[in-house]
C-alpha atoms as a PDB file:
ATOM      1  CA  MET A   1     -52.907-191.082  -6.188  1.00  0.00           C
ATOM      2  CA  GLN A   2     -53.890-189.648  -2.793  1.00  0.00           C
ATOM      3  CA  ILE A   3     -57.220-188.352  -4.133  1.00  0.00           C
ATOM      4  CA  LEU A   4     -58.096-191.799  -5.486  1.00  0.00           C
ATOM      5  CA  PHE A   5     -57.146-193.379  -2.144  1.00  0.00           C
ATOM      6  CA  TYR A   6     -59.433-191.041  -0.195  1.00  0.00           C
ATOM      7  CA  PHE A   7     -62.233-191.474  -2.733  1.00  0.00           C
ATOM      8  CA  VAL A   8     -62.079-195.253  -2.333  1.00  0.00           C
ATOM      9  CA  ILE A   9     -62.126-194.844   1.461  1.00  0.00           C
ATOM     10  CA  VAL A  10     -65.302-192.743   1.243  1.00  0.00           C
ATOM     11  CA  VAL A  11     -66.953-195.250  -1.114  1.00  0.00           C
ATOM     12  CA  HIS A  12     -65.890-198.092   1.198  1.00  0.00           C
ATOM     13  CA  ILE A  13     -67.446-196.429   4.254  1.00  0.00           C
ATOM     14  CA  VAL A  14     -70.693-195.617   2.429  1.00  0.00           C
ATOM     15  CA  VAL A  15     -70.994-199.157   1.063  1.00  0.00           C
ATOM     16  CA  SER A  16     -70.262-200.703   4.456  1.00  0.00           C
ATOM     17  CA  LEU A  17     -72.974-198.613   6.138  1.00  0.00           C
ATOM     18  CA  PHE A  18     -75.393-199.475   3.316  1.00  0.00           C
ATOM     19  CA  LEU A  19     -74.538-203.173   3.677  1.00  0.00           C
ATOM     20  CA  ILE A  20     -75.180-203.064   7.414  1.00  0.00           C
ATOM     21  CA  GLY A  21     -78.550-201.399   6.824  1.00  0.00           C
ATOM     22  CA  VAL A  22     -79.651-203.821   4.110  1.00  0.00           C
ATOM     23  CA  VAL A  23     -78.729-206.854   6.200  1.00  0.00           C
ATOM     24  CA  LEU A  24     -80.604-205.513   9.214  1.00  0.00           C
ATOM     25  CA  ILE A  25     -83.743-204.808   7.145  1.00  0.00           C
ATOM     26  CA  GLN A  26     -83.995-208.373   5.848  1.00  0.00           C
ATOM     27  CA  GLN A  27     -86.300-210.852   7.480  1.00  0.00           C
ATOM     28  CA  GLY A  28     -85.451-214.428   8.298  1.00  0.00           C
ATOM     29  CA  ARG A  29     -86.725-217.423   6.352  1.00  0.00           C
ATOM     30  CA  SER A  30     -89.822-217.907   8.538  1.00  0.00           C
ATOM     31  CA  ALA A  31     -90.274-214.428   9.932  1.00  0.00           C
ATOM     32  CA  ASP A  32     -93.937-213.967   8.966  1.00  0.00           C
ATOM     33  CA  LEU A  33     -96.937-214.929  11.114  1.00  0.00           C
ATOM     34  CA  ALA A  34     -97.246-218.454   9.688  1.00  0.00           C
ATOM     35  CA  GLY A  35     -93.578-219.159  10.433  1.00  0.00           C
ATOM     36  CA  ALA A  36     -94.098-218.279  14.090  1.00  0.00           C
ATOM     37  CA  PHE A  37     -96.341-221.336  14.511  1.00  0.00           C
ATOM     38  CA  GLY A  38     -94.317-223.705  12.355  1.00  0.00           C
ATOM     39  CA  GLY A  39     -96.335-223.271   9.157  1.00  0.00           C
ATOM     40  CA  GLN A  40     -94.656-223.089   5.768  1.00  0.00           C
ATOM     41  CA  GLY A  41     -97.299-220.958   4.052  1.00  0.00           C
ATOM     42  CA  SER A  42     -97.224-217.200   3.817  1.00  0.00           C
ATOM     43  CA  GLN A  43    -100.005-214.762   4.664  1.00  0.00           C
ATOM     44  CA  THR A  44     -99.783-212.908   1.344  1.00  0.00           C
ATOM     45  CA  ALA A  45     -99.510-214.172  -2.198  1.00  0.00           C
ATOM     46  CA  PHE A  46     -96.477-212.285  -3.554  1.00  0.00           C
ATOM     47  CA  GLY A  47     -95.597-209.544  -1.054  1.00  0.00           C
ATOM     48  CA  PRO A  48     -92.703-210.822   1.065  1.00  0.00           C
ATOM     49  CA  ARG A  49     -90.944-212.779  -1.693  1.00  0.00           C
ATOM     50  CA  ALA A  50     -90.610-209.804  -4.051  1.00  0.00           C
ATOM     51  CA  ALA A  51     -89.124-207.646  -1.300  1.00  0.00           C
ATOM     52  CA  ALA A  52     -86.792-210.476  -0.314  1.00  0.00           C
ATOM     53  CA  ASN A  53     -85.482-210.776  -3.876  1.00  0.00           C
ATOM     54  CA  VAL A  54     -84.700-207.060  -4.091  1.00  0.00           C
ATOM     55  CA  LEU A  55     -83.015-207.061  -0.687  1.00  0.00           C
ATOM     56  CA  THR A  56     -81.040-210.177  -1.578  1.00  0.00           C
ATOM     57  CA  ARG A  57     -79.772-208.572  -4.769  1.00  0.00           C
ATOM     58  CA  LEU A  58     -78.891-205.353  -2.938  1.00  0.00           C
ATOM     59  CA  THR A  59     -77.007-207.365  -0.331  1.00  0.00           C
ATOM     60  CA  THR A  60     -75.119-209.326  -2.973  1.00  0.00           C
ATOM     61  CA  TRP A  61     -74.061-206.276  -4.984  1.00  0.00           C
ATOM     62  CA  SER A  62     -73.097-204.247  -1.941  1.00  0.00           C
ATOM     63  CA  ALA A  63     -71.012-207.172  -0.651  1.00  0.00           C
ATOM     64  CA  ILE A  64     -69.256-207.433  -4.032  1.00  0.00           C
ATOM     65  CA  ILE A  65     -68.537-203.687  -4.038  1.00  0.00           C
ATOM     66  CA  PHE A  66     -67.327-203.921  -0.422  1.00  0.00           C
ATOM     67  CA  MET A  67     -64.850-206.674  -1.312  1.00  0.00           C
ATOM     68  CA  CYS A  68     -63.610-204.806  -4.386  1.00  0.00           C
ATOM     69  CA  THR A  69     -63.049-201.604  -2.418  1.00  0.00           C
ATOM     70  CA  SER A  70     -61.270-203.591   0.311  1.00  0.00           C
ATOM     71  CA  LEU A  71     -58.853-205.102  -2.192  1.00  0.00           C
ATOM     72  CA  SER A  72     -58.314-201.800  -3.963  1.00  0.00           C
ATOM     73  CA  LEU A  73     -57.567-200.076  -0.641  1.00  0.00           C
ATOM     74  CA  VAL A  74     -54.847-202.635   0.054  1.00  0.00           C
ATOM     75  CA  VAL A  75     -53.314-202.160  -3.381  1.00  0.00           C
ATOM     76  CA  LEU A  76     -53.472-198.363  -3.198  1.00  0.00           C
ATOM     77  CA  TYR A  77     -51.997-198.310   0.309  1.00  0.00           C
ATOM     78  CA  ASN A  78     -49.104-200.543  -0.740  1.00  0.00           C
ATOM     79  CA  ARG A  79     -48.386-198.323  -3.736  1.00  0.00           C
ATOM     80  CA  THR A  80     -48.398-195.102  -1.713  1.00  0.00           C
ATOM     81  CA  THR A  81     -46.261-196.378   1.180  1.00  0.00           C
ATOM     82  CA  GLY A  82     -43.977-198.604  -0.867  1.00  0.00           C
ATOM     83  CA  SER A  83     -44.082-201.438   1.670  1.00  0.00           C
ATOM     84  CA  HIS A  84     -44.593-204.983   0.525  1.00  0.00           C
ATOM     85  CA  SER A  85     -44.960-206.861   3.789  1.00  0.00           C
ATOM     86  CA  VAL A  86     -46.533-206.370   7.159  1.00  0.00           C
ATOM     87  CA  LEU A  87     -43.455-207.876   8.824  1.00  0.00           C
ATOM     88  CA  GLU A  88     -40.975-205.694   6.935  1.00  0.00           C
ATOM     89  CA  GLY A  89     -39.804-203.705   9.974  1.00  0.00           C
ATOM     90  CA  ALA A  90     -40.154-206.465  12.571  1.00  0.00           C
ATOM     91  CA  ARG A  91     -37.142-207.587  14.592  1.00  0.00           C
ATOM     92  CA  PRO A  92     -36.477-211.302  15.045  1.00  0.00           C
ATOM     93  CA  ALA A  93     -37.236-212.793  18.441  1.00  0.00           C
ATOM     94  CA  PRO A  94     -34.225-213.344  20.715  1.00  0.00           C
ATOM     95  CA  ILE A  95     -32.981-216.897  20.904  1.00  0.00           C
ATOM     96  CA  SER A  96     -32.664-218.269  24.412  1.00  0.00           C
ATOM     97  CA  ALA A  97     -30.625-221.201  25.646  1.00  0.00           C
ATOM     98  CA  PRO A  98     -32.462-224.449  26.297  1.00  0.00           C
ATOM     99  CA  ALA A  99     -33.404-225.260  29.881  1.00  0.00           C
ATOM    100  CA  LYS A 100     -31.064-227.469  31.898  1.00  0.00           C
ATOM    101  CA  PRO A 101     -32.488-230.830  32.877  1.00  0.00           C
ATOM    102  CA  SER A 102     -33.291-231.204  36.569  1.00  0.00           C
ATOM    103  CA  LYS A 103     -32.917-234.327  38.679  1.00  0.00           C
END
């Protein structure tokens, strides 16, 4: 079980770094030269849109893998430690007496 836990951690770190890189590579909606002056047209016929579709798909799949590894890390951690709650070892707060009214 420990080997699987560490494997998922490594996959999680690699996917998170990949996700950061893919998001930073993407351009905004109007990032080309025509968008700088308020135009809606693009300078090339098919260039930017094809790259945007590939980057969008890479972002989507890496985000899905990131969420799955996050959930599996929680499940694996709970199984290895045996705890079921974050507040399992917490002490209750001390109860104080109410303040006396002043005149």
